[in-house]
Amino acid sequence: MNFRHIAALYCTLAAAFPAEAGGAIPLPTDGNSWAYTQYEQTGIKLSVLATPEFQFGYRNEAKDWVVLVRQAAQRTGIPDASVRPFQVAYVLTGDVCITDIAHSRPIVNGDACALPLSQGMAWRIEESRAAGLVMRDLRVEGEEEIVTPAGKFSALRIRETATISAQGSEPRMFLRATYWYAEQVRGLVKIQRQQFAEIGAPAKTSVDVLDSYSVR
């Protein structure tokens, strides 16, 4: 699966948030990996869905990232010596510097990668899909401490609201998500997503929590 993404910034972010204030976001590096436990949330109850481990494998001829995945069953507490090897999961365009790697969604890409993330920064990512045009609006809300099995992190909270517009129809919301990004991890330490199948339908909520990571 090849995911192509086009970023459109709300304003001239380079002027509003100069890179000198905090530096560019670190770019992905081959071999960096992140292991998560993915939960489905019903009320206050969390049920384990999967325990995937993702890795930036290598760049292909188009200089896009080939992302690898494997299931690490032993992290669920069930002994399993037959952990699957890494396999190709999808291809991610090479201009992405922060990604929701578990769901193959860029969080920051393009020109925004040269800027420091700071409270109030906002941007838009547009995606063309078979179902219509997706408009993803993202904003950095602030910083907070997040505790996961991988450790305690000072993380930036990024909020997303996404709408989809089919041809000839009004946009409708289909996703609300919150991402917590920690620079020392070079990735997301927690992801909370609410997906809406249709207007008026109950939201489906999932939570991903970082179990371990390895970065260069």
N, C-alpha and C. Protein backbone atom coordinates (compact mmCIF):
# COMPACT_ATOMS: atom_id res chain seq x y z
N MET A 1 0.84 -1.18 0.00
CA MET A 1 0.00 0.00 0.00
C MET A 1 0.88 1.24 0.00
N ASN A 2 0.60 2.16 -0.89
CA ASN A 2 1.44 3.36 -1.00
C ASN A 2 0.62 4.58 -0.61
N PHE A 3 0.99 5.22 0.49
CA PHE A 3 0.25 6.36 1.00
C PHE A 3 0.94 7.65 0.58
N ARG A 4 0.23 8.53 -0.14
CA ARG A 4 0.75 9.81 -0.59
C ARG A 4 0.03 10.92 0.15
N HIS A 5 0.76 11.87 0.59
CA HIS A 5 0.18 12.90 1.44
C HIS A 5 0.61 14.29 0.96
N ILE A 6 -0.32 15.24 0.99
CA ILE A 6 -0.02 16.62 0.61
C ILE A 6 -0.30 17.51 1.80
N ALA A 7 0.68 18.28 2.24
CA ALA A 7 0.50 19.17 3.39
C ALA A 7 0.18 20.56 2.90
N ALA A 8 -0.79 21.20 3.54
CA ALA A 8 -1.10 22.60 3.25
C ALA A 8 -1.14 23.34 4.57
N LEU A 9 -0.19 24.23 4.84
CA LEU A 9 -0.12 24.93 6.10
C LEU A 9 -1.16 26.02 6.14
N TYR A 10 -1.70 26.29 7.32
CA TYR A 10 -2.69 27.35 7.49
C TYR A 10 -2.13 28.72 7.12
N CYS A 11 -0.89 28.95 7.50
CA CYS A 11 -0.31 30.26 7.28
C CYS A 11 1.18 30.08 7.05
N THR A 12 1.91 31.15 6.96
CA THR A 12 3.35 31.05 6.76
C THR A 12 3.98 30.71 8.10
N LEU A 13 4.04 29.40 8.39
CA LEU A 13 4.50 28.95 9.70
C LEU A 13 5.95 29.34 9.94
N ALA A 14 6.74 29.40 8.88
CA ALA A 14 8.15 29.74 9.05
C ALA A 14 8.30 31.11 9.69
N ALA A 15 7.38 32.02 9.40
CA ALA A 15 7.45 33.35 9.99
C ALA A 15 6.91 33.34 11.41
N ALA A 16 5.85 32.56 11.63
CA ALA A 16 5.21 32.55 12.96
C ALA A 16 6.02 31.75 13.96
N PHE A 17 6.68 30.68 13.48
CA PHE A 17 7.43 29.79 14.38
C PHE A 17 8.81 29.56 13.79
N PRO A 18 9.73 30.48 13.92
CA PRO A 18 11.05 30.34 13.28
C PRO A 18 11.80 29.14 13.81
N ALA A 19 12.54 28.50 12.90
CA ALA A 19 13.26 27.27 13.26
C ALA A 19 14.29 27.50 14.34
N GLU A 20 14.83 28.72 14.42
CA GLU A 20 15.88 28.99 15.41
C GLU A 20 15.36 28.85 16.84
N ALA A 21 14.04 28.92 17.01
CA ALA A 21 13.48 28.87 18.36
C ALA A 21 13.68 27.51 19.01
N GLY A 22 13.72 26.45 18.22
CA GLY A 22 13.88 25.15 18.86
C GLY A 22 14.47 24.09 17.96
N GLY A 23 14.67 24.40 16.71
CA GLY A 23 15.29 23.45 15.80
C GLY A 23 14.28 22.58 15.09
N ALA A 24 14.73 21.97 14.01
CA ALA A 24 13.86 21.12 13.21
C ALA A 24 13.56 19.82 13.94
N ILE A 25 12.49 19.17 13.52
CA ILE A 25 12.13 17.88 14.07
C ILE A 25 13.10 16.83 13.52
N PRO A 26 13.62 15.91 14.37
CA PRO A 26 14.54 14.89 13.86
C PRO A 26 13.88 14.03 12.79
N LEU A 27 14.59 13.78 11.72
CA LEU A 27 14.07 12.95 10.64
C LEU A 27 14.15 11.48 11.03
N PRO A 28 13.30 10.63 10.42
CA PRO A 28 13.36 9.20 10.71
C PRO A 28 14.72 8.61 10.33
N THR A 29 15.07 7.54 10.99
CA THR A 29 16.31 6.83 10.72
C THR A 29 16.01 5.35 10.57
N ASP A 30 16.67 4.70 9.59
CA ASP A 30 16.43 3.28 9.41
C ASP A 30 16.84 2.52 10.66
N GLY A 31 16.02 1.56 11.03
CA GLY A 31 16.28 0.76 12.23
C GLY A 31 15.56 1.25 13.46
N ASN A 32 15.11 2.51 13.49
CA ASN A 32 14.31 2.98 14.62
C ASN A 32 13.04 2.13 14.73
N SER A 33 12.68 1.74 15.96
CA SER A 33 11.52 0.87 16.11
C SER A 33 10.72 1.26 17.35
N TRP A 34 9.42 0.97 17.30
CA TRP A 34 8.50 1.29 18.39
C TRP A 34 7.52 0.13 18.54
N ALA A 35 7.36 -0.36 19.76
CA ALA A 35 6.42 -1.46 20.04
C ALA A 35 5.27 -0.92 20.88
N TYR A 36 4.06 -1.25 20.49
CA TYR A 36 2.86 -0.74 21.15
C TYR A 36 1.96 -1.87 21.61
N THR A 37 1.14 -1.57 22.61
CA THR A 37 -0.05 -2.38 22.86
C THR A 37 -1.24 -1.54 22.42
N GLN A 38 -2.08 -2.15 21.59
CA GLN A 38 -3.25 -1.46 21.07
C GLN A 38 -4.50 -1.99 21.78
N TYR A 39 -5.29 -1.04 22.30
CA TYR A 39 -6.48 -1.39 23.06
C TYR A 39 -7.73 -0.85 22.37
N GLU A 40 -8.83 -1.57 22.54
CA GLU A 40 -10.14 -1.04 22.22
C GLU A 40 -10.78 -0.60 23.53
N GLN A 41 -11.35 0.59 23.56
CA GLN A 41 -11.92 1.13 24.78
C GLN A 41 -13.44 1.11 24.71
N THR A 42 -14.05 0.48 25.71
CA THR A 42 -15.50 0.48 25.86
C THR A 42 -15.82 1.02 27.25
N GLY A 43 -16.32 2.26 27.32
CA GLY A 43 -16.47 2.90 28.62
C GLY A 43 -15.11 3.12 29.24
N ILE A 44 -14.87 2.54 30.42
CA ILE A 44 -13.55 2.64 31.04
C ILE A 44 -12.76 1.34 30.87
N LYS A 45 -13.35 0.36 30.20
CA LYS A 45 -12.69 -0.93 30.02
C LYS A 45 -11.81 -0.92 28.78
N LEU A 46 -10.57 -1.43 28.92
CA LEU A 46 -9.65 -1.56 27.81
C LEU A 46 -9.42 -3.03 27.50
N SER A 47 -9.59 -3.40 26.23
CA SER A 47 -9.35 -4.77 25.79
C SER A 47 -8.21 -4.77 24.77
N VAL A 48 -7.24 -5.67 24.97
CA VAL A 48 -6.08 -5.71 24.08
C VAL A 48 -6.50 -6.21 22.70
N LEU A 49 -6.13 -5.43 21.67
CA LEU A 49 -6.40 -5.82 20.29
C LEU A 49 -5.18 -6.46 19.64
N ALA A 50 -4.00 -5.87 19.85
CA ALA A 50 -2.79 -6.36 19.19
C ALA A 50 -1.57 -5.79 19.90
N THR A 51 -0.41 -6.37 19.62
CA THR A 51 0.86 -5.90 20.20
C THR A 51 1.91 -5.80 19.09
N PRO A 52 1.73 -4.89 18.16
CA PRO A 52 2.66 -4.81 17.03
C PRO A 52 3.93 -4.03 17.37
N GLU A 53 4.99 -4.37 16.66
CA GLU A 53 6.23 -3.61 16.71
C GLU A 53 6.53 -3.11 15.29
N PHE A 54 6.77 -1.80 15.16
CA PHE A 54 7.00 -1.20 13.86
C PHE A 54 8.44 -0.72 13.76
N GLN A 55 8.95 -0.73 12.55
CA GLN A 55 10.33 -0.31 12.32
C GLN A 55 10.44 0.40 10.97
N PHE A 56 11.21 1.53 10.96
CA PHE A 56 11.58 2.12 9.68
C PHE A 56 12.64 1.20 9.08
N GLY A 57 12.27 0.50 8.01
CA GLY A 57 13.17 -0.50 7.46
C GLY A 57 14.24 0.09 6.57
N TYR A 58 13.85 0.66 5.45
CA TYR A 58 14.81 1.19 4.48
C TYR A 58 14.06 2.09 3.51
N ARG A 59 14.81 2.85 2.74
CA ARG A 59 14.21 3.67 1.69
C ARG A 59 14.24 2.90 0.37
N ASN A 60 13.14 2.98 -0.36
CA ASN A 60 13.10 2.32 -1.67
C ASN A 60 13.69 3.22 -2.76
N GLU A 61 13.56 2.83 -4.01
CA GLU A 61 14.16 3.61 -5.09
C GLU A 61 13.56 5.01 -5.20
N ALA A 62 12.29 5.16 -4.77
CA ALA A 62 11.63 6.47 -4.80
C ALA A 62 11.98 7.31 -3.57
N LYS A 63 12.85 6.80 -2.71
CA LYS A 63 13.27 7.47 -1.47
C LYS A 63 12.15 7.56 -0.45
N ASP A 64 11.13 6.70 -0.60
CA ASP A 64 10.08 6.61 0.41
C ASP A 64 10.46 5.55 1.43
N TRP A 65 9.89 5.67 2.64
CA TRP A 65 10.21 4.73 3.70
C TRP A 65 9.38 3.46 3.57
N VAL A 66 10.06 2.32 3.63
CA VAL A 66 9.38 1.04 3.72
C VAL A 66 9.28 0.71 5.20
N VAL A 67 8.05 0.67 5.71
CA VAL A 67 7.80 0.44 7.13
C VAL A 67 7.55 -1.05 7.34
N LEU A 68 8.21 -1.61 8.33
CA LEU A 68 8.09 -3.03 8.65
C LEU A 68 7.28 -3.22 9.92
N VAL A 69 6.66 -4.39 10.06
CA VAL A 69 5.87 -4.69 11.26
C VAL A 69 6.03 -6.17 11.60
N ARG A 70 5.93 -6.45 12.89
CA ARG A 70 5.83 -7.83 13.35
C ARG A 70 4.99 -7.85 14.61
N GLN A 71 4.37 -8.97 14.86
CA GLN A 71 3.60 -9.14 16.09
C GLN A 71 4.48 -9.79 17.14
N ALA A 72 4.57 -9.17 18.30
CA ALA A 72 5.42 -9.69 19.38
C ALA A 72 4.52 -10.27 20.46
N ALA A 73 4.09 -11.49 20.25
CA ALA A 73 3.08 -12.09 21.12
C ALA A 73 3.54 -12.24 22.56
N GLN A 74 4.87 -12.35 22.77
CA GLN A 74 5.35 -12.57 24.13
C GLN A 74 5.08 -11.38 25.03
N ARG A 75 4.83 -10.19 24.45
CA ARG A 75 4.58 -9.02 25.29
C ARG A 75 3.17 -9.01 25.88
N THR A 76 2.31 -9.94 25.47
CA THR A 76 0.97 -10.02 26.05
C THR A 76 0.96 -10.88 27.30
N GLY A 77 2.14 -11.45 27.65
CA GLY A 77 2.19 -12.32 28.81
C GLY A 77 2.01 -13.78 28.45
N ILE A 78 1.77 -14.08 27.18
CA ILE A 78 1.60 -15.46 26.73
C ILE A 78 2.91 -15.91 26.09
N PRO A 79 3.62 -16.86 26.68
CA PRO A 79 4.89 -17.30 26.09
C PRO A 79 4.70 -17.78 24.65
N ASP A 80 5.52 -17.30 23.76
CA ASP A 80 5.41 -17.67 22.35
C ASP A 80 6.78 -17.50 21.72
N ALA A 81 7.42 -18.64 21.44
CA ALA A 81 8.77 -18.58 20.87
C ALA A 81 8.74 -18.31 19.37
N SER A 82 7.56 -18.38 18.77
CA SER A 82 7.47 -18.24 17.32
C SER A 82 7.04 -16.83 16.92
N VAL A 83 7.75 -15.83 17.42
CA VAL A 83 7.46 -14.45 17.05
C VAL A 83 7.75 -14.27 15.57
N ARG A 84 6.82 -13.67 14.86
CA ARG A 84 6.99 -13.51 13.43
C ARG A 84 8.14 -12.57 13.11
N PRO A 85 8.83 -12.80 12.01
CA PRO A 85 9.86 -11.84 11.59
C PRO A 85 9.20 -10.57 11.07
N PHE A 86 10.00 -9.52 10.92
CA PHE A 86 9.48 -8.28 10.36
C PHE A 86 9.05 -8.52 8.92
N GLN A 87 7.91 -7.92 8.56
CA GLN A 87 7.39 -7.98 7.20
C GLN A 87 7.03 -6.56 6.75
N VAL A 88 6.97 -6.36 5.44
CA VAL A 88 6.60 -5.05 4.92
C VAL A 88 5.15 -4.76 5.28
N ALA A 89 4.92 -3.58 5.89
CA ALA A 89 3.57 -3.17 6.26
C ALA A 89 3.00 -2.20 5.24
N TYR A 90 3.75 -1.16 4.92
CA TYR A 90 3.30 -0.16 3.94
C TYR A 90 4.48 0.73 3.59
N VAL A 91 4.26 1.63 2.65
CA VAL A 91 5.28 2.60 2.24
C VAL A 91 4.80 3.99 2.61
N LEU A 92 5.68 4.77 3.24
CA LEU A 92 5.35 6.11 3.72
C LEU A 92 6.24 7.12 3.00
N THR A 93 5.64 8.19 2.50
CA THR A 93 6.42 9.16 1.74
C THR A 93 7.59 9.69 2.55
N GLY A 94 8.66 9.98 1.86
CA GLY A 94 9.92 10.32 2.50
C GLY A 94 9.97 11.67 3.18
N ASP A 95 8.92 12.53 3.00
CA ASP A 95 8.98 13.86 3.61
C ASP A 95 8.29 13.91 4.96
N VAL A 96 7.98 12.76 5.54
CA VAL A 96 7.30 12.70 6.84
C VAL A 96 8.34 12.64 7.95
N CYS A 97 8.20 13.52 8.96
CA CYS A 97 9.14 13.48 10.08
C CYS A 97 8.49 12.99 11.37
N ILE A 98 7.17 13.12 11.50
CA ILE A 98 6.45 12.51 12.62
C ILE A 98 5.27 11.75 12.03
N THR A 99 5.12 10.50 12.41
CA THR A 99 4.03 9.69 11.88
C THR A 99 3.35 8.88 12.97
N ASP A 100 2.06 8.67 12.81
CA ASP A 100 1.35 7.68 13.61
C ASP A 100 1.63 6.36 12.91
N ILE A 101 2.76 5.78 13.25
CA ILE A 101 3.29 4.64 12.49
C ILE A 101 2.38 3.43 12.57
N ALA A 102 1.61 3.32 13.67
CA ALA A 102 0.72 2.18 13.82
C ALA A 102 -0.49 2.25 12.89
N HIS A 103 -0.79 3.45 12.39
CA HIS A 103 -1.96 3.61 11.52
C HIS A 103 -1.59 4.25 10.19
N SER A 104 -0.32 4.29 9.88
CA SER A 104 0.22 4.79 8.60
C SER A 104 -0.31 6.17 8.26
N ARG A 105 -0.28 7.07 9.26
CA ARG A 105 -0.80 8.42 9.07
C ARG A 105 0.29 9.44 9.42
N PRO A 106 0.64 10.32 8.47
CA PRO A 106 1.61 11.36 8.82
C PRO A 106 1.00 12.36 9.79
N ILE A 107 1.79 12.82 10.75
CA ILE A 107 1.36 13.85 11.69
C ILE A 107 2.00 15.19 11.31
N VAL A 108 3.29 15.16 11.00
CA VAL A 108 4.00 16.35 10.52
C VAL A 108 4.78 15.94 9.28
N ASN A 109 4.67 16.74 8.21
CA ASN A 109 5.41 16.42 6.99
C ASN A 109 5.73 17.70 6.23
N GLY A 110 6.46 17.54 5.15
CA GLY A 110 6.76 18.67 4.29
C GLY A 110 7.52 19.79 4.98
N ASP A 111 7.15 21.03 4.66
CA ASP A 111 7.84 22.21 5.19
C ASP A 111 7.77 22.30 6.70
N ALA A 112 6.71 21.76 7.30
CA ALA A 112 6.55 21.86 8.76
C ALA A 112 7.65 21.12 9.51
N CYS A 113 8.33 20.18 8.85
CA CYS A 113 9.39 19.41 9.52
C CYS A 113 10.58 20.30 9.89
N ALA A 114 10.73 21.43 9.20
CA ALA A 114 11.87 22.31 9.48
C ALA A 114 11.60 23.24 10.64
N LEU A 115 10.42 23.12 11.25
CA LEU A 115 10.02 24.04 12.32
C LEU A 115 9.97 23.33 13.66
N PRO A 116 10.21 24.06 14.74
CA PRO A 116 10.03 23.46 16.06
C PRO A 116 8.55 23.37 16.39
N LEU A 117 8.13 22.25 16.99
CA LEU A 117 6.76 22.16 17.46
C LEU A 117 6.61 23.04 18.70
N SER A 118 5.55 23.83 18.74
CA SER A 118 5.31 24.69 19.89
C SER A 118 3.82 24.89 20.05
N GLN A 119 3.42 25.24 21.27
CA GLN A 119 2.00 25.39 21.57
C GLN A 119 1.35 26.41 20.63
N GLY A 120 0.18 26.03 20.09
CA GLY A 120 -0.55 26.91 19.20
C GLY A 120 -0.27 26.67 17.73
N MET A 121 0.80 25.94 17.41
CA MET A 121 1.12 25.66 16.00
C MET A 121 0.00 24.81 15.40
N ALA A 122 -0.46 25.18 14.20
CA ALA A 122 -1.56 24.47 13.55
C ALA A 122 -1.25 24.27 12.08
N TRP A 123 -1.73 23.18 11.52
CA TRP A 123 -1.50 22.88 10.12
C TRP A 123 -2.58 21.94 9.62
N ARG A 124 -2.62 21.76 8.31
CA ARG A 124 -3.62 20.90 7.68
C ARG A 124 -2.92 19.93 6.74
N ILE A 125 -3.41 18.70 6.74
CA ILE A 125 -2.95 17.68 5.80
C ILE A 125 -4.16 17.20 5.00
N GLU A 126 -4.03 17.19 3.69
CA GLU A 126 -5.10 16.75 2.81
C GLU A 126 -4.74 15.38 2.24
N GLU A 127 -5.73 14.49 2.19
CA GLU A 127 -5.53 13.15 1.64
C GLU A 127 -6.67 12.83 0.69
N SER A 128 -6.35 12.39 -0.49
CA SER A 128 -7.36 11.99 -1.46
C SER A 128 -7.56 10.48 -1.35
N ARG A 129 -8.79 10.08 -1.04
CA ARG A 129 -9.10 8.67 -0.90
C ARG A 129 -10.25 8.29 -1.83
N ALA A 130 -10.48 6.98 -1.95
CA ALA A 130 -11.57 6.52 -2.81
C ALA A 130 -12.91 7.05 -2.34
N ALA A 131 -13.07 7.20 -1.01
CA ALA A 131 -14.34 7.67 -0.44
C ALA A 131 -14.51 9.18 -0.54
N GLY A 132 -13.44 9.91 -0.87
CA GLY A 132 -13.55 11.35 -0.97
C GLY A 132 -12.30 12.05 -0.46
N LEU A 133 -12.38 13.37 -0.32
CA LEU A 133 -11.25 14.18 0.14
C LEU A 133 -11.27 14.27 1.66
N VAL A 134 -10.15 13.92 2.28
CA VAL A 134 -10.01 13.99 3.73
C VAL A 134 -9.23 15.25 4.10
N MET A 135 -9.78 16.03 5.00
CA MET A 135 -9.13 17.23 5.51
C MET A 135 -8.80 17.00 6.97
N ARG A 136 -7.51 16.97 7.30
CA ARG A 136 -7.05 16.70 8.66
C ARG A 136 -6.48 17.98 9.25
N ASP A 137 -7.12 18.50 10.28
CA ASP A 137 -6.66 19.71 10.96
C ASP A 137 -6.00 19.33 12.27
N LEU A 138 -4.74 19.76 12.44
CA LEU A 138 -3.96 19.39 13.61
C LEU A 138 -3.46 20.63 14.33
N ARG A 139 -3.35 20.55 15.65
CA ARG A 139 -2.89 21.68 16.45
C ARG A 139 -2.14 21.17 17.68
N VAL A 140 -1.02 21.83 18.01
CA VAL A 140 -0.28 21.52 19.23
C VAL A 140 -0.96 22.25 20.38
N GLU A 141 -1.44 21.50 21.37
CA GLU A 141 -2.19 22.10 22.48
C GLU A 141 -1.32 22.42 23.69
N GLY A 142 -0.24 21.71 23.86
CA GLY A 142 0.60 21.96 25.02
C GLY A 142 1.45 20.75 25.35
N GLU A 143 2.06 20.77 26.52
CA GLU A 143 2.97 19.71 26.94
C GLU A 143 2.45 19.08 28.23
N GLU A 144 2.61 17.78 28.36
CA GLU A 144 2.21 17.11 29.59
C GLU A 144 3.04 15.85 29.80
N GLU A 145 3.02 15.35 31.01
CA GLU A 145 3.79 14.15 31.35
C GLU A 145 2.93 12.92 31.09
N ILE A 146 3.51 11.97 30.35
CA ILE A 146 2.81 10.73 30.02
C ILE A 146 3.64 9.56 30.54
N VAL A 147 2.97 8.63 31.25
CA VAL A 147 3.64 7.44 31.77
C VAL A 147 3.15 6.23 30.98
N THR A 148 4.10 5.46 30.44
CA THR A 148 3.79 4.26 29.68
C THR A 148 4.72 3.14 30.16
N PRO A 149 4.51 1.90 29.73
CA PRO A 149 5.45 0.83 30.08
C PRO A 149 6.87 1.11 29.59
N ALA A 150 7.03 1.98 28.58
CA ALA A 150 8.36 2.33 28.07
C ALA A 150 9.04 3.40 28.90
N GLY A 151 8.32 4.02 29.85
CA GLY A 151 8.91 5.05 30.68
C GLY A 151 8.01 6.26 30.85
N LYS A 152 8.57 7.28 31.50
CA LYS A 152 7.86 8.53 31.73
C LYS A 152 8.42 9.58 30.77
N PHE A 153 7.53 10.29 30.09
CA PHE A 153 7.96 11.21 29.04
C PHE A 153 7.28 12.56 29.18
N SER A 154 8.03 13.61 28.86
CA SER A 154 7.45 14.93 28.65
C SER A 154 7.05 14.99 27.19
N ALA A 155 5.76 15.04 26.93
CA ALA A 155 5.26 14.89 25.56
C ALA A 155 4.40 16.08 25.14
N LEU A 156 4.49 16.42 23.87
CA LEU A 156 3.62 17.43 23.29
C LEU A 156 2.30 16.77 22.89
N ARG A 157 1.20 17.40 23.28
CA ARG A 157 -0.13 16.89 22.94
C ARG A 157 -0.61 17.55 21.65
N ILE A 158 -0.89 16.72 20.65
CA ILE A 158 -1.34 17.19 19.34
C ILE A 158 -2.75 16.67 19.11
N ARG A 159 -3.67 17.59 18.83
CA ARG A 159 -5.07 17.21 18.62
C ARG A 159 -5.40 17.26 17.13
N GLU A 160 -6.16 16.27 16.67
CA GLU A 160 -6.57 16.22 15.27
C GLU A 160 -8.09 16.08 15.16
N THR A 161 -8.66 16.81 14.22
CA THR A 161 -10.04 16.60 13.79
C THR A 161 -10.02 16.40 12.30
N ALA A 162 -10.64 15.32 11.83
CA ALA A 162 -10.61 15.01 10.40
C ALA A 162 -12.02 14.90 9.85
N THR A 163 -12.24 15.48 8.67
CA THR A 163 -13.51 15.36 7.98
C THR A 163 -13.28 14.75 6.61
N ILE A 164 -14.35 14.17 6.07
CA ILE A 164 -14.27 13.60 4.74
C ILE A 164 -15.42 14.15 3.90
N SER A 165 -15.12 14.48 2.66
CA SER A 165 -16.13 15.03 1.75
C SER A 165 -16.19 14.15 0.51
N ALA A 166 -17.31 13.45 0.35
CA ALA A 166 -17.54 12.72 -0.89
C ALA A 166 -18.03 13.72 -1.94
N GLN A 167 -17.90 13.38 -3.18
CA GLN A 167 -18.29 14.30 -4.25
C GLN A 167 -19.76 14.68 -4.13
N GLY A 168 -20.01 15.99 -4.06
CA GLY A 168 -21.38 16.49 -4.00
C GLY A 168 -22.03 16.43 -2.64
N SER A 169 -21.26 16.12 -1.59
CA SER A 169 -21.84 16.04 -0.25
C SER A 169 -21.10 16.97 0.70
N GLU A 170 -21.74 17.29 1.82
CA GLU A 170 -21.14 18.14 2.82
C GLU A 170 -20.07 17.36 3.60
N PRO A 171 -19.03 18.05 4.08
CA PRO A 171 -18.02 17.34 4.90
C PRO A 171 -18.65 16.79 6.18
N ARG A 172 -18.20 15.65 6.60
CA ARG A 172 -18.64 15.09 7.88
C ARG A 172 -17.42 14.64 8.66
N MET A 173 -17.50 14.79 9.98
CA MET A 173 -16.39 14.36 10.83
C MET A 173 -16.36 12.84 10.88
N PHE A 174 -15.16 12.28 10.72
CA PHE A 174 -15.05 10.83 10.86
C PHE A 174 -13.95 10.42 11.82
N LEU A 175 -13.15 11.39 12.29
CA LEU A 175 -12.08 11.03 13.22
C LEU A 175 -11.74 12.20 14.13
N ARG A 176 -11.58 11.89 15.42
CA ARG A 176 -10.94 12.79 16.37
C ARG A 176 -9.81 11.99 17.02
N ALA A 177 -8.65 12.60 17.12
CA ALA A 177 -7.51 11.87 17.67
C ALA A 177 -6.63 12.80 18.48
N THR A 178 -5.96 12.23 19.48
CA THR A 178 -4.96 12.95 20.26
C THR A 178 -3.68 12.14 20.22
N TYR A 179 -2.58 12.83 19.91
CA TYR A 179 -1.27 12.20 19.82
C TYR A 179 -0.35 12.85 20.85
N TRP A 180 0.45 12.03 21.53
CA TRP A 180 1.46 12.56 22.45
C TRP A 180 2.83 12.22 21.87
N TYR A 181 3.58 13.26 21.49
CA TYR A 181 4.87 13.09 20.84
C TYR A 181 5.99 13.45 21.80
N ALA A 182 6.96 12.53 21.95
CA ALA A 182 8.14 12.77 22.78
C ALA A 182 9.37 12.76 21.90
N GLU A 183 10.14 13.85 21.95
CA GLU A 183 11.29 13.97 21.05
C GLU A 183 12.34 12.91 21.33
N GLN A 184 12.52 12.52 22.61
CA GLN A 184 13.53 11.52 22.91
C GLN A 184 13.19 10.16 22.30
N VAL A 185 11.92 9.93 22.04
CA VAL A 185 11.47 8.68 21.42
C VAL A 185 11.45 8.82 19.91
N ARG A 186 11.44 10.08 19.44
CA ARG A 186 11.28 10.39 18.02
C ARG A 186 10.01 9.77 17.47
N GLY A 187 9.01 9.77 18.31
CA GLY A 187 7.74 9.18 17.89
C GLY A 187 6.67 9.41 18.93
N LEU A 188 5.57 8.71 18.76
CA LEU A 188 4.40 8.88 19.62
C LEU A 188 4.44 7.88 20.76
N VAL A 189 4.17 8.37 21.96
CA VAL A 189 4.17 7.51 23.14
C VAL A 189 2.76 7.06 23.49
N LYS A 190 1.77 7.78 22.96
CA LYS A 190 0.37 7.41 23.20
C LYS A 190 -0.48 8.00 22.09
N ILE A 191 -1.50 7.26 21.69
CA ILE A 191 -2.44 7.71 20.67
C ILE A 191 -3.84 7.33 21.13
N GLN A 192 -4.75 8.28 21.09
CA GLN A 192 -6.16 8.00 21.39
C GLN A 192 -6.99 8.44 20.20
N ARG A 193 -7.83 7.53 19.69
CA ARG A 193 -8.57 7.80 18.46
C ARG A 193 -10.06 7.51 18.67
N GLN A 194 -10.88 8.41 18.15
CA GLN A 194 -12.32 8.18 18.10
C GLN A 194 -12.75 8.22 16.63
N GLN A 195 -13.30 7.12 16.15
CA GLN A 195 -13.72 7.04 14.76
C GLN A 195 -15.24 6.96 14.68
N PHE A 196 -15.81 7.70 13.72
CA PHE A 196 -17.25 7.75 13.54
C PHE A 196 -17.57 7.16 12.17
N ALA A 197 -18.32 6.03 12.16
CA ALA A 197 -18.64 5.38 10.90
C ALA A 197 -19.61 6.23 10.08
N GLU A 198 -20.55 6.90 10.75
CA GLU A 198 -21.52 7.75 10.06
C GLU A 198 -22.10 8.73 11.07
N ILE A 199 -22.79 9.74 10.57
CA ILE A 199 -23.35 10.76 11.44
C ILE A 199 -24.34 10.13 12.42
N GLY A 200 -24.18 10.45 13.70
CA GLY A 200 -25.06 9.94 14.73
C GLY A 200 -24.67 8.59 15.28
N ALA A 201 -23.72 7.92 14.64
CA ALA A 201 -23.30 6.60 15.13
C ALA A 201 -22.36 6.75 16.31
N PRO A 202 -22.38 5.81 17.26
CA PRO A 202 -21.45 5.89 18.39
C PRO A 202 -20.01 5.82 17.92
N ALA A 203 -19.14 6.50 18.63
CA ALA A 203 -17.73 6.51 18.26
C ALA A 203 -17.07 5.20 18.67
N LYS A 204 -16.13 4.76 17.86
CA LYS A 204 -15.29 3.61 18.21
C LYS A 204 -13.97 4.16 18.72
N THR A 205 -13.62 3.83 19.96
CA THR A 205 -12.44 4.41 20.60
C THR A 205 -11.34 3.37 20.73
N SER A 206 -10.12 3.77 20.38
CA SER A 206 -8.97 2.90 20.56
C SER A 206 -7.82 3.70 21.17
N VAL A 207 -6.94 3.00 21.88
CA VAL A 207 -5.80 3.63 22.54
C VAL A 207 -4.57 2.78 22.26
N ASP A 208 -3.50 3.42 21.80
CA ASP A 208 -2.20 2.78 21.62
C ASP A 208 -1.22 3.34 22.66
N VAL A 209 -0.50 2.44 23.33
CA VAL A 209 0.44 2.85 24.36
C VAL A 209 1.81 2.25 24.04
N LEU A 210 2.85 3.07 24.14
CA LEU A 210 4.20 2.61 23.82
C LEU A 210 4.73 1.66 24.89
N ASP A 211 5.18 0.49 24.45
CA ASP A 211 5.76 -0.51 25.36
C ASP A 211 7.27 -0.42 25.42
N SER A 212 7.90 -0.22 24.26
CA SER A 212 9.36 -0.13 24.18
C SER A 212 9.73 0.57 22.88
N TYR A 213 10.98 1.02 22.80
CA TYR A 213 11.43 1.70 21.59
C TYR A 213 12.94 1.60 21.49
N SER A 214 13.44 1.82 20.26
CA SER A 214 14.87 1.86 20.02
C SER A 214 15.12 2.90 18.94
N VAL A 215 15.89 3.95 19.27
CA VAL A 215 16.18 5.00 18.30
C VAL A 215 17.67 5.25 18.25
N ARG A 216 18.13 5.72 17.08
CA ARG A 216 19.55 6.00 16.89
C ARG A 216 19.82 7.48 17.02
